[in-house]
Amino acid sequence: MADTYNKLTGPRESPEEREFELRAQIGSIWSGGRLFIGMYTFLIASLVFSYFYLRSSNNGMLWRPHGQHAPIAYGVAVYLFTVATALLANVGQRRLRKGDVTDFQVAGWTGVLSGVVGLIVQCWQLTKLGFFPGASGYTSTFIGFAVINIMSLVIGTYWLETTLARSLRMRRELGGDKPELSTAPTARQFRAGVASMAYFWGFLAVSGTLLSAMFYVM
């Protein structure tokens, strides 16, 4: 009976084939995360190009007339919250690799809170601008920077939150002690997703340093 059933359902996959498929899935998660960062880099590069092009050309001396400047205090606060979230995400990922799931959860949820606060401050900053969006080249590019920053914080914080939610769901599905560290396929895929998420937050911290220096220091 068992042989007939196997013939009807097709050949069984060998352990080697299942391992190959799992490695391919993990590789796709790794590659997808890096490709997403690559695409995001082009978005930021377009903003950087616009900033320096308009600043260097300064047509009609309209790059930044009358000392127009975005509120620095809000900008510094957003930058610090972004860096703090990136640090928490990467520290949590390293603690997970060392086997401490509790530290990963604590760092992750603290990072979610930090990302949400940074998002709120960034949105609030737009209500405190002392200029119109199209008043000059600087103001136009700053609005683009603020929109990109809002989008970045939303994507990054959502990615971090869903990663933590997946960890909690795995505990219900797999059971046992620290299922996130097991050799189950879902656990191995989960750890690959955590690494991609932390890598993205590191990218946001680095790019945020450049953009914040452009709009609040230079």
N, C-alpha and C. Protein backbone atom coordinates (compact mmCIF):
# COMPACT_ATOMS: atom_id res chain seq x y z
N MET A 1 0.83 -1.20 0.00
CA MET A 1 0.00 0.00 0.00
C MET A 1 0.87 1.26 0.00
N ALA A 2 1.96 1.23 0.83
CA ALA A 2 2.82 2.40 0.90
C ALA A 2 3.50 2.65 -0.44
N ASP A 3 3.92 1.56 -1.12
CA ASP A 3 4.57 1.75 -2.41
C ASP A 3 3.62 2.36 -3.42
N THR A 4 2.35 1.90 -3.41
CA THR A 4 1.36 2.46 -4.32
C THR A 4 1.12 3.94 -4.04
N TYR A 5 1.06 4.27 -2.78
CA TYR A 5 0.82 5.67 -2.42
C TYR A 5 1.97 6.55 -2.89
N ASN A 6 3.18 6.06 -2.74
CA ASN A 6 4.34 6.84 -3.17
C ASN A 6 4.35 7.01 -4.68
N LYS A 7 3.91 5.98 -5.42
CA LYS A 7 3.88 6.09 -6.87
C LYS A 7 2.84 7.11 -7.31
N LEU A 8 1.74 7.19 -6.58
CA LEU A 8 0.70 8.14 -6.95
C LEU A 8 1.11 9.58 -6.67
N THR A 9 1.84 9.77 -5.60
CA THR A 9 2.20 11.13 -5.22
C THR A 9 3.52 11.59 -5.82
N GLY A 10 4.21 10.71 -6.51
CA GLY A 10 5.46 11.08 -7.13
C GLY A 10 6.64 10.72 -6.27
N PRO A 11 7.84 10.89 -6.78
CA PRO A 11 9.04 10.51 -6.03
C PRO A 11 9.27 11.42 -4.82
N ARG A 12 9.76 10.81 -3.76
CA ARG A 12 10.08 11.59 -2.58
C ARG A 12 11.39 12.35 -2.79
N GLU A 13 11.48 13.54 -2.16
CA GLU A 13 12.72 14.28 -2.24
C GLU A 13 13.73 13.70 -1.26
N SER A 14 14.95 13.62 -1.69
CA SER A 14 16.01 13.14 -0.81
C SER A 14 16.41 14.25 0.16
N PRO A 15 17.07 13.91 1.27
CA PRO A 15 17.55 14.95 2.19
C PRO A 15 18.47 15.96 1.51
N GLU A 16 19.27 15.50 0.57
CA GLU A 16 20.18 16.40 -0.14
C GLU A 16 19.40 17.42 -0.97
N GLU A 17 18.31 16.96 -1.61
CA GLU A 17 17.50 17.87 -2.42
C GLU A 17 16.79 18.90 -1.55
N ARG A 18 16.29 18.46 -0.39
CA ARG A 18 15.63 19.40 0.51
C ARG A 18 16.62 20.42 1.05
N GLU A 19 17.83 19.98 1.36
CA GLU A 19 18.85 20.91 1.84
C GLU A 19 19.24 21.90 0.75
N PHE A 20 19.33 21.42 -0.49
CA PHE A 20 19.66 22.31 -1.60
C PHE A 20 18.58 23.38 -1.78
N GLU A 21 17.31 22.99 -1.71
CA GLU A 21 16.22 23.95 -1.85
C GLU A 21 16.22 24.96 -0.71
N LEU A 22 16.52 24.49 0.50
CA LEU A 22 16.56 25.40 1.64
C LEU A 22 17.70 26.41 1.49
N ARG A 23 18.85 25.92 1.05
CA ARG A 23 19.98 26.84 0.84
C ARG A 23 19.66 27.86 -0.25
N ALA A 24 18.93 27.43 -1.26
CA ALA A 24 18.53 28.36 -2.32
C ALA A 24 17.59 29.44 -1.78
N GLN A 25 16.66 29.04 -0.91
CA GLN A 25 15.75 30.01 -0.31
C GLN A 25 16.49 31.00 0.57
N ILE A 26 17.43 30.50 1.37
CA ILE A 26 18.22 31.39 2.22
C ILE A 26 19.07 32.32 1.37
N GLY A 27 19.64 31.80 0.29
CA GLY A 27 20.40 32.64 -0.61
C GLY A 27 19.55 33.72 -1.26
N SER A 28 18.29 33.39 -1.56
CA SER A 28 17.39 34.38 -2.14
C SER A 28 17.08 35.50 -1.15
N ILE A 29 16.92 35.13 0.13
CA ILE A 29 16.69 36.15 1.15
C ILE A 29 17.90 37.07 1.25
N TRP A 30 19.09 36.47 1.26
CA TRP A 30 20.32 37.27 1.33
C TRP A 30 20.44 38.20 0.11
N SER A 31 20.26 37.64 -1.08
CA SER A 31 20.41 38.43 -2.30
C SER A 31 19.32 39.49 -2.41
N GLY A 32 18.09 39.13 -2.04
CA GLY A 32 16.99 40.10 -2.12
C GLY A 32 17.22 41.29 -1.22
N GLY A 33 17.73 41.06 -0.01
CA GLY A 33 18.00 42.18 0.90
C GLY A 33 19.07 43.10 0.34
N ARG A 34 20.12 42.54 -0.23
CA ARG A 34 21.19 43.37 -0.79
C ARG A 34 20.74 44.10 -2.05
N LEU A 35 19.93 43.44 -2.87
CA LEU A 35 19.42 44.12 -4.07
C LEU A 35 18.50 45.27 -3.71
N PHE A 36 17.71 45.08 -2.65
CA PHE A 36 16.83 46.17 -2.20
C PHE A 36 17.66 47.37 -1.75
N ILE A 37 18.75 47.11 -1.04
CA ILE A 37 19.63 48.20 -0.62
C ILE A 37 20.26 48.87 -1.84
N GLY A 38 20.61 48.07 -2.85
CA GLY A 38 21.16 48.65 -4.07
C GLY A 38 20.18 49.58 -4.76
N MET A 39 18.92 49.15 -4.86
CA MET A 39 17.90 50.00 -5.48
C MET A 39 17.67 51.26 -4.65
N TYR A 40 17.71 51.12 -3.34
CA TYR A 40 17.51 52.27 -2.47
C TYR A 40 18.67 53.26 -2.61
N THR A 41 19.85 52.74 -2.89
CA THR A 41 21.02 53.60 -3.08
C THR A 41 20.82 54.53 -4.27
N PHE A 42 20.21 54.02 -5.34
CA PHE A 42 19.95 54.87 -6.51
C PHE A 42 18.99 56.00 -6.15
N LEU A 43 18.02 55.72 -5.29
CA LEU A 43 17.08 56.77 -4.87
C LEU A 43 17.81 57.86 -4.11
N ILE A 44 18.67 57.47 -3.18
CA ILE A 44 19.41 58.45 -2.40
C ILE A 44 20.43 59.18 -3.28
N ALA A 45 21.03 58.45 -4.21
CA ALA A 45 22.01 59.08 -5.10
C ALA A 45 21.36 60.18 -5.95
N SER A 46 20.12 59.98 -6.35
CA SER A 46 19.43 61.01 -7.14
C SER A 46 19.23 62.28 -6.30
N LEU A 47 18.94 62.11 -5.01
CA LEU A 47 18.79 63.27 -4.13
C LEU A 47 20.13 63.98 -3.93
N VAL A 48 21.19 63.20 -3.74
CA VAL A 48 22.52 63.79 -3.55
C VAL A 48 22.95 64.55 -4.80
N PHE A 49 22.68 63.97 -5.96
CA PHE A 49 23.03 64.66 -7.21
C PHE A 49 22.26 65.98 -7.34
N SER A 50 20.96 65.96 -7.05
CA SER A 50 20.15 67.18 -7.14
C SER A 50 20.69 68.25 -6.20
N TYR A 51 21.04 67.83 -4.99
CA TYR A 51 21.53 68.78 -3.99
C TYR A 51 22.79 69.49 -4.48
N PHE A 52 23.79 68.70 -4.90
CA PHE A 52 25.06 69.31 -5.27
C PHE A 52 24.99 70.02 -6.63
N TYR A 53 24.12 69.55 -7.50
CA TYR A 53 23.96 70.23 -8.79
C TYR A 53 23.36 71.62 -8.58
N LEU A 54 22.27 71.69 -7.82
CA LEU A 54 21.63 72.99 -7.59
C LEU A 54 22.52 73.91 -6.75
N ARG A 55 23.24 73.32 -5.83
CA ARG A 55 24.11 74.14 -5.00
C ARG A 55 25.27 74.72 -5.80
N SER A 56 25.85 73.93 -6.68
CA SER A 56 26.99 74.41 -7.48
C SER A 56 26.57 75.41 -8.55
N SER A 57 25.40 75.17 -9.17
CA SER A 57 24.94 76.10 -10.21
C SER A 57 24.43 77.40 -9.60
N ASN A 58 23.65 77.31 -8.54
CA ASN A 58 23.15 78.49 -7.81
C ASN A 58 22.61 79.56 -8.75
N ASN A 59 21.74 79.15 -9.66
CA ASN A 59 21.18 80.07 -10.66
C ASN A 59 20.40 81.19 -9.97
N GLY A 60 20.72 82.42 -10.37
CA GLY A 60 20.02 83.58 -9.81
C GLY A 60 20.26 83.75 -8.33
N MET A 61 21.31 83.14 -7.79
CA MET A 61 21.61 83.19 -6.35
C MET A 61 20.42 82.72 -5.52
N LEU A 62 19.72 81.71 -6.05
CA LEU A 62 18.50 81.23 -5.39
C LEU A 62 18.70 79.86 -4.74
N TRP A 63 19.95 79.46 -4.52
CA TRP A 63 20.14 78.17 -3.86
C TRP A 63 19.58 78.21 -2.43
N ARG A 64 20.01 79.22 -1.66
CA ARG A 64 19.48 79.36 -0.30
C ARG A 64 19.49 80.84 0.09
N PRO A 65 18.52 81.60 -0.41
CA PRO A 65 18.47 83.03 -0.08
C PRO A 65 18.05 83.26 1.37
N HIS A 66 18.53 84.34 1.92
CA HIS A 66 18.14 84.78 3.27
C HIS A 66 18.44 83.72 4.33
N GLY A 67 19.46 82.92 4.12
CA GLY A 67 19.86 81.96 5.14
C GLY A 67 18.81 80.94 5.50
N GLN A 68 18.03 80.50 4.53
CA GLN A 68 17.01 79.48 4.81
C GLN A 68 17.67 78.20 5.32
N HIS A 69 17.09 77.65 6.38
CA HIS A 69 17.66 76.45 6.98
C HIS A 69 16.57 75.68 7.70
N ALA A 70 16.63 74.38 7.59
CA ALA A 70 15.65 73.54 8.28
C ALA A 70 15.95 73.54 9.78
N PRO A 71 14.92 73.29 10.61
CA PRO A 71 15.13 73.23 12.07
C PRO A 71 16.17 72.19 12.44
N ILE A 72 17.29 72.64 12.96
CA ILE A 72 18.41 71.72 13.22
C ILE A 72 18.11 70.78 14.37
N ALA A 73 17.46 71.26 15.43
CA ALA A 73 17.21 70.43 16.60
C ALA A 73 16.39 69.20 16.23
N TYR A 74 15.34 69.40 15.43
CA TYR A 74 14.52 68.27 15.00
C TYR A 74 15.33 67.31 14.13
N GLY A 75 16.14 67.89 13.24
CA GLY A 75 16.94 67.05 12.36
C GLY A 75 17.94 66.20 13.12
N VAL A 76 18.59 66.78 14.12
CA VAL A 76 19.54 66.03 14.93
C VAL A 76 18.83 64.92 15.69
N ALA A 77 17.63 65.23 16.20
CA ALA A 77 16.86 64.23 16.94
C ALA A 77 16.51 63.04 16.04
N VAL A 78 16.05 63.33 14.84
CA VAL A 78 15.70 62.25 13.90
C VAL A 78 16.93 61.40 13.58
N TYR A 79 18.04 62.07 13.36
CA TYR A 79 19.28 61.34 13.05
C TYR A 79 19.70 60.44 14.21
N LEU A 80 19.62 60.94 15.42
CA LEU A 80 20.01 60.15 16.59
C LEU A 80 19.09 58.95 16.78
N PHE A 81 17.79 59.15 16.57
CA PHE A 81 16.85 58.02 16.69
C PHE A 81 17.13 56.97 15.60
N THR A 82 17.49 57.44 14.41
CA THR A 82 17.80 56.50 13.32
C THR A 82 19.04 55.68 13.65
N VAL A 83 20.08 56.35 14.12
CA VAL A 83 21.31 55.65 14.48
C VAL A 83 21.06 54.70 15.65
N ALA A 84 20.27 55.15 16.63
CA ALA A 84 19.97 54.30 17.78
C ALA A 84 19.23 53.04 17.35
N THR A 85 18.28 53.19 16.44
CA THR A 85 17.53 52.02 15.96
C THR A 85 18.45 51.07 15.19
N ALA A 86 19.34 51.63 14.38
CA ALA A 86 20.28 50.80 13.63
C ALA A 86 21.20 50.03 14.59
N LEU A 87 21.68 50.69 15.63
CA LEU A 87 22.54 50.03 16.61
C LEU A 87 21.78 48.92 17.33
N LEU A 88 20.55 49.20 17.72
CA LEU A 88 19.76 48.19 18.42
C LEU A 88 19.47 46.99 17.53
N ALA A 89 19.17 47.24 16.26
CA ALA A 89 18.89 46.14 15.34
C ALA A 89 20.13 45.27 15.15
N ASN A 90 21.29 45.88 15.01
CA ASN A 90 22.51 45.11 14.80
C ASN A 90 22.99 44.43 16.08
N VAL A 91 22.83 45.10 17.22
CA VAL A 91 23.18 44.45 18.48
C VAL A 91 22.26 43.25 18.73
N GLY A 92 20.96 43.43 18.45
CA GLY A 92 20.03 42.32 18.62
C GLY A 92 20.37 41.15 17.72
N GLN A 93 20.76 41.45 16.47
CA GLN A 93 21.13 40.37 15.55
C GLN A 93 22.38 39.63 16.03
N ARG A 94 23.34 40.35 16.57
CA ARG A 94 24.55 39.71 17.08
C ARG A 94 24.25 38.88 18.33
N ARG A 95 23.37 39.38 19.19
CA ARG A 95 23.01 38.62 20.38
C ARG A 95 22.26 37.34 19.99
N LEU A 96 21.46 37.42 18.94
CA LEU A 96 20.76 36.23 18.46
C LEU A 96 21.75 35.19 17.96
N ARG A 97 22.77 35.63 17.24
CA ARG A 97 23.79 34.71 16.74
C ARG A 97 24.54 34.04 17.88
N LYS A 98 24.64 34.73 19.01
CA LYS A 98 25.32 34.15 20.17
C LYS A 98 24.38 33.30 21.01
N GLY A 99 23.10 33.23 20.64
CA GLY A 99 22.17 32.35 21.33
C GLY A 99 21.30 33.02 22.36
N ASP A 100 21.36 34.34 22.49
CA ASP A 100 20.55 35.04 23.48
C ASP A 100 19.32 35.63 22.81
N VAL A 101 18.24 34.88 22.82
CA VAL A 101 17.01 35.32 22.16
C VAL A 101 16.35 36.45 22.92
N THR A 102 16.44 36.43 24.25
CA THR A 102 15.80 37.48 25.05
C THR A 102 16.40 38.84 24.75
N ASP A 103 17.73 38.92 24.67
CA ASP A 103 18.38 40.18 24.33
C ASP A 103 17.97 40.64 22.93
N PHE A 104 17.81 39.70 22.02
CA PHE A 104 17.36 40.04 20.67
C PHE A 104 15.98 40.67 20.70
N GLN A 105 15.07 40.09 21.48
CA GLN A 105 13.72 40.62 21.58
C GLN A 105 13.72 42.00 22.23
N VAL A 106 14.46 42.16 23.31
CA VAL A 106 14.51 43.44 24.01
C VAL A 106 15.09 44.54 23.13
N ALA A 107 16.21 44.23 22.48
CA ALA A 107 16.82 45.22 21.60
C ALA A 107 15.91 45.53 20.41
N GLY A 108 15.25 44.51 19.89
CA GLY A 108 14.37 44.71 18.74
C GLY A 108 13.17 45.59 19.05
N TRP A 109 12.48 45.30 20.12
CA TRP A 109 11.29 46.10 20.46
C TRP A 109 11.68 47.50 20.89
N THR A 110 12.84 47.66 21.54
CA THR A 110 13.32 49.00 21.85
C THR A 110 13.62 49.76 20.56
N GLY A 111 14.18 49.05 19.58
CA GLY A 111 14.44 49.66 18.28
C GLY A 111 13.17 50.08 17.57
N VAL A 112 12.12 49.27 17.68
CA VAL A 112 10.83 49.64 17.08
C VAL A 112 10.33 50.94 17.70
N LEU A 113 10.42 51.05 19.02
CA LEU A 113 9.99 52.28 19.70
C LEU A 113 10.82 53.47 19.24
N SER A 114 12.14 53.27 19.13
CA SER A 114 13.01 54.35 18.69
C SER A 114 12.68 54.77 17.26
N GLY A 115 12.42 53.80 16.39
CA GLY A 115 12.08 54.12 15.00
C GLY A 115 10.76 54.88 14.89
N VAL A 116 9.77 54.49 15.69
CA VAL A 116 8.48 55.17 15.66
C VAL A 116 8.62 56.61 16.16
N VAL A 117 9.39 56.80 17.23
CA VAL A 117 9.60 58.16 17.74
C VAL A 117 10.32 59.02 16.70
N GLY A 118 11.34 58.44 16.06
CA GLY A 118 12.04 59.19 15.01
C GLY A 118 11.12 59.55 13.87
N LEU A 119 10.22 58.66 13.51
CA LEU A 119 9.25 58.94 12.45
C LEU A 119 8.32 60.07 12.84
N ILE A 120 7.86 60.07 14.08
CA ILE A 120 6.97 61.13 14.56
C ILE A 120 7.68 62.48 14.55
N VAL A 121 8.92 62.50 15.01
CA VAL A 121 9.69 63.75 15.03
C VAL A 121 9.92 64.26 13.61
N GLN A 122 10.21 63.35 12.68
CA GLN A 122 10.42 63.76 11.30
C GLN A 122 9.16 64.37 10.70
N CYS A 123 8.02 63.77 10.96
CA CYS A 123 6.75 64.33 10.46
C CYS A 123 6.45 65.67 11.14
N TRP A 124 6.74 65.76 12.43
CA TRP A 124 6.47 67.01 13.15
C TRP A 124 7.37 68.14 12.66
N GLN A 125 8.57 67.79 12.24
CA GLN A 125 9.49 68.81 11.74
C GLN A 125 8.90 69.55 10.54
N LEU A 126 8.15 68.83 9.72
CA LEU A 126 7.58 69.45 8.53
C LEU A 126 6.57 70.53 8.88
N THR A 127 6.03 70.51 10.08
CA THR A 127 5.09 71.55 10.51
C THR A 127 5.81 72.77 11.07
N LYS A 128 7.13 72.68 11.22
CA LYS A 128 7.90 73.77 11.83
C LYS A 128 8.85 74.45 10.85
N LEU A 129 8.67 74.19 9.57
CA LEU A 129 9.55 74.80 8.58
C LEU A 129 9.25 76.28 8.42
N GLY A 130 10.30 77.07 8.29
CA GLY A 130 10.11 78.50 8.11
C GLY A 130 10.18 78.92 6.66
N PHE A 131 9.85 78.02 5.74
CA PHE A 131 9.89 78.32 4.31
C PHE A 131 8.89 77.43 3.58
N PHE A 132 8.57 77.85 2.36
CA PHE A 132 7.70 77.05 1.50
C PHE A 132 8.54 76.01 0.76
N PRO A 133 7.93 74.88 0.37
CA PRO A 133 8.71 73.81 -0.27
C PRO A 133 9.48 74.26 -1.51
N GLY A 134 8.92 75.12 -2.31
CA GLY A 134 9.58 75.53 -3.55
C GLY A 134 10.22 76.90 -3.47
N ALA A 135 10.56 77.35 -2.30
CA ALA A 135 11.10 78.70 -2.15
C ALA A 135 12.51 78.83 -2.72
N SER A 136 13.28 77.74 -2.75
CA SER A 136 14.65 77.79 -3.26
C SER A 136 15.09 76.37 -3.60
N GLY A 137 16.30 76.27 -4.12
CA GLY A 137 16.83 74.95 -4.43
C GLY A 137 17.02 74.11 -3.17
N TYR A 138 17.50 74.76 -2.11
CA TYR A 138 17.71 74.05 -0.85
C TYR A 138 16.39 73.53 -0.29
N THR A 139 15.38 74.36 -0.27
CA THR A 139 14.10 73.94 0.31
C THR A 139 13.46 72.80 -0.50
N SER A 140 13.62 72.85 -1.82
CA SER A 140 13.05 71.79 -2.66
C SER A 140 13.72 70.45 -2.38
N THR A 141 15.04 70.46 -2.32
CA THR A 141 15.75 69.22 -2.06
C THR A 141 15.52 68.75 -0.62
N PHE A 142 15.34 69.69 0.31
CA PHE A 142 15.09 69.28 1.69
C PHE A 142 13.77 68.54 1.82
N ILE A 143 12.74 69.02 1.12
CA ILE A 143 11.45 68.32 1.17
C ILE A 143 11.61 66.91 0.62
N GLY A 144 12.40 66.78 -0.47
CA GLY A 144 12.65 65.44 -0.99
C GLY A 144 13.37 64.57 0.03
N PHE A 145 14.33 65.14 0.73
CA PHE A 145 15.06 64.42 1.78
C PHE A 145 14.11 63.98 2.90
N ALA A 146 13.23 64.88 3.33
CA ALA A 146 12.30 64.55 4.41
C ALA A 146 11.36 63.42 4.01
N VAL A 147 10.87 63.46 2.78
CA VAL A 147 9.96 62.40 2.30
C VAL A 147 10.69 61.07 2.24
N ILE A 148 11.91 61.06 1.72
CA ILE A 148 12.69 59.83 1.66
C ILE A 148 12.98 59.31 3.06
N ASN A 149 13.27 60.22 4.00
CA ASN A 149 13.56 59.81 5.36
C ASN A 149 12.33 59.20 6.03
N ILE A 150 11.17 59.78 5.78
CA ILE A 150 9.93 59.21 6.32
C ILE A 150 9.71 57.82 5.76
N MET A 151 9.89 57.67 4.46
CA MET A 151 9.72 56.37 3.82
C MET A 151 10.72 55.35 4.38
N SER A 152 11.95 55.80 4.60
CA SER A 152 12.98 54.90 5.13
C SER A 152 12.63 54.42 6.53
N LEU A 153 12.18 55.33 7.38
CA LEU A 153 11.83 54.96 8.74
C LEU A 153 10.62 54.03 8.77
N VAL A 154 9.66 54.27 7.90
CA VAL A 154 8.48 53.40 7.84
C VAL A 154 8.89 51.99 7.41
N ILE A 155 9.67 51.90 6.33
CA ILE A 155 10.09 50.59 5.83
C ILE A 155 10.95 49.86 6.86
N GLY A 156 11.96 50.55 7.40
CA GLY A 156 12.86 49.92 8.34
C GLY A 156 12.18 49.48 9.62
N THR A 157 11.32 50.33 10.17
CA THR A 157 10.63 49.98 11.41
C THR A 157 9.63 48.86 11.18
N TYR A 158 8.94 48.89 10.06
CA TYR A 158 8.00 47.81 9.75
C TYR A 158 8.73 46.49 9.57
N TRP A 159 9.87 46.52 8.90
CA TRP A 159 10.67 45.31 8.70
C TRP A 159 11.13 44.74 10.04
N LEU A 160 11.58 45.63 10.93
CA LEU A 160 12.03 45.19 12.25
C LEU A 160 10.87 44.60 13.05
N GLU A 161 9.72 45.26 13.01
CA GLU A 161 8.56 44.77 13.77
C GLU A 161 8.06 43.42 13.27
N THR A 162 7.99 43.26 11.95
CA THR A 162 7.52 41.98 11.41
C THR A 162 8.51 40.86 11.70
N THR A 163 9.81 41.19 11.77
CA THR A 163 10.80 40.18 12.13
C THR A 163 10.58 39.70 13.56
N LEU A 164 10.32 40.64 14.46
CA LEU A 164 10.05 40.26 15.85
C LEU A 164 8.75 39.48 15.98
N ALA A 165 7.73 39.89 15.22
CA ALA A 165 6.45 39.17 15.25
C ALA A 165 6.63 37.75 14.72
N ARG A 166 7.46 37.58 13.73
CA ARG A 166 7.71 36.24 13.19
C ARG A 166 8.40 35.37 14.23
N SER A 167 9.28 35.98 15.03
CA SER A 167 9.94 35.24 16.09
C SER A 167 8.93 34.72 17.11
N LEU A 168 7.98 35.55 17.47
CA LEU A 168 6.95 35.12 18.42
C LEU A 168 6.06 34.04 17.82
N ARG A 169 5.77 34.16 16.54
CA ARG A 169 4.94 33.15 15.88
C ARG A 169 5.67 31.81 15.81
N MET A 170 6.97 31.84 15.59
CA MET A 170 7.74 30.62 15.53
C MET A 170 7.71 29.87 16.86
N ARG A 171 7.67 30.62 17.95
CA ARG A 171 7.63 29.97 19.25
C ARG A 171 6.34 29.16 19.43
N ARG A 172 5.26 29.68 18.88
CA ARG A 172 3.99 28.94 18.95
C ARG A 172 3.98 27.76 18.00
N GLU A 173 4.58 27.93 16.83
CA GLU A 173 4.53 26.87 15.82
C GLU A 173 5.53 25.74 16.11
N LEU A 174 6.76 26.09 16.48
CA LEU A 174 7.79 25.07 16.67
C LEU A 174 7.87 24.58 18.10
N GLY A 175 7.58 25.49 19.05
CA GLY A 175 7.67 25.10 20.44
C GLY A 175 9.11 24.86 20.87
N GLY A 176 9.29 24.33 22.05
CA GLY A 176 10.62 24.05 22.54
C GLY A 176 11.32 25.28 23.07
N ASP A 177 12.59 25.10 23.42
CA ASP A 177 13.39 26.19 23.98
C ASP A 177 14.17 26.87 22.86
N LYS A 178 13.96 28.16 22.71
CA LYS A 178 14.65 28.96 21.70
C LYS A 178 14.54 28.36 20.29
N PRO A 179 13.33 28.28 19.76
CA PRO A 179 13.18 27.69 18.41
C PRO A 179 13.84 28.53 17.32
N GLU A 180 14.10 29.81 17.62
CA GLU A 180 14.76 30.65 16.62
C GLU A 180 16.17 30.16 16.30
N LEU A 181 16.75 29.39 17.22
CA LEU A 181 18.12 28.91 17.04
C LEU A 181 18.18 27.48 16.55
N SER A 182 17.04 26.88 16.28
CA SER A 182 17.01 25.49 15.87
C SER A 182 17.45 25.34 14.41
N THR A 183 17.55 24.09 13.99
CA THR A 183 17.94 23.82 12.60
C THR A 183 16.73 23.64 11.69
N ALA A 184 15.54 23.95 12.20
CA ALA A 184 14.34 23.85 11.37
C ALA A 184 14.44 24.82 10.19
N PRO A 185 13.88 24.45 9.04
CA PRO A 185 13.97 25.34 7.86
C PRO A 185 13.45 26.75 8.13
N THR A 186 12.30 26.85 8.82
CA THR A 186 11.75 28.19 9.09
C THR A 186 12.69 29.00 9.97
N ALA A 187 13.37 28.35 10.91
CA ALA A 187 14.30 29.06 11.79
C ALA A 187 15.52 29.54 11.02
N ARG A 188 16.02 28.74 10.12
CA ARG A 188 17.18 29.14 9.33
C ARG A 188 16.82 30.29 8.38
N GLN A 189 15.62 30.24 7.81
CA GLN A 189 15.17 31.35 6.97
C GLN A 189 14.97 32.61 7.81
N PHE A 190 14.47 32.42 9.02
CA PHE A 190 14.26 33.56 9.92
C PHE A 190 15.58 34.26 10.23
N ARG A 191 16.62 33.50 10.53
CA ARG A 191 17.91 34.11 10.86
C ARG A 191 18.50 34.85 9.66
N ALA A 192 18.27 34.33 8.46
CA ALA A 192 18.72 35.04 7.25
C ALA A 192 17.97 36.36 7.09
N GLY A 193 16.66 36.35 7.40
CA GLY A 193 15.87 37.58 7.33
C GLY A 193 16.32 38.60 8.35
N VAL A 194 16.68 38.14 9.55
CA VAL A 194 17.17 39.05 10.59
C VAL A 194 18.46 39.73 10.14
N ALA A 195 19.35 38.96 9.52
CA ALA A 195 20.61 39.53 9.04
C ALA A 195 20.37 40.59 7.97
N SER A 196 19.43 40.34 7.05
CA SER A 196 19.13 41.32 6.00
C SER A 196 18.53 42.58 6.59
N MET A 197 17.63 42.40 7.58
CA MET A 197 17.02 43.56 8.23
C MET A 197 18.05 44.42 8.93
N ALA A 198 18.96 43.79 9.68
CA ALA A 198 19.99 44.54 10.39
C ALA A 198 20.93 45.24 9.41
N TYR A 199 21.23 44.58 8.30
CA TYR A 199 22.09 45.18 7.28
C TYR A 199 21.43 46.42 6.68
N PHE A 200 20.12 46.35 6.46
CA PHE A 200 19.40 47.51 5.92
C PHE A 200 19.44 48.68 6.89
N TRP A 201 19.26 48.40 8.18
CA TRP A 201 19.32 49.48 9.16
C TRP A 201 20.72 50.09 9.23
N GLY A 202 21.74 49.27 9.08
CA GLY A 202 23.08 49.82 9.02
C GLY A 202 23.26 50.75 7.83
N PHE A 203 22.67 50.37 6.71
CA PHE A 203 22.70 51.22 5.52
C PHE A 203 21.99 52.54 5.78
N LEU A 204 20.83 52.49 6.46
CA LEU A 204 20.10 53.72 6.77
C LEU A 204 20.92 54.64 7.67
N ALA A 205 21.66 54.07 8.61
CA ALA A 205 22.47 54.89 9.50
C ALA A 205 23.59 55.58 8.73
N VAL A 206 24.23 54.85 7.82
CA VAL A 206 25.33 55.43 7.04
C VAL A 206 24.82 56.51 6.09
N SER A 207 23.76 56.19 5.35
CA SER A 207 23.20 57.18 4.43
C SER A 207 22.62 58.37 5.18
N GLY A 208 22.02 58.11 6.36
CA GLY A 208 21.49 59.20 7.16
C GLY A 208 22.57 60.15 7.64
N THR A 209 23.76 59.62 7.89
CA THR A 209 24.88 60.48 8.29
C THR A 209 25.25 61.44 7.17
N LEU A 210 25.33 60.91 5.95
CA LEU A 210 25.65 61.76 4.79
C LEU A 210 24.59 62.82 4.57
N LEU A 211 23.31 62.40 4.53
CA LEU A 211 22.23 63.33 4.23
C LEU A 211 22.05 64.37 5.33
N SER A 212 22.19 63.96 6.57
CA SER A 212 22.07 64.93 7.67
C SER A 212 23.18 65.96 7.62
N ALA A 213 24.39 65.53 7.26
CA ALA A 213 25.49 66.48 7.13
C ALA A 213 25.22 67.46 5.99
N MET A 214 24.63 66.98 4.91
CA MET A 214 24.33 67.84 3.78
C MET A 214 23.33 68.94 4.14
N PHE A 215 22.26 68.56 4.83
CA PHE A 215 21.16 69.51 5.04
C PHE A 215 21.22 70.27 6.36
N TYR A 216 22.01 69.80 7.32
CA TYR A 216 22.05 70.49 8.61
C TYR A 216 23.43 71.06 8.96
N VAL A 217 24.48 70.65 8.25
CA VAL A 217 25.82 71.12 8.57
C VAL A 217 26.41 71.95 7.45
N MET A 218 26.33 71.45 6.22
CA MET A 218 26.98 72.14 5.09
C MET A 218 26.26 73.44 4.74
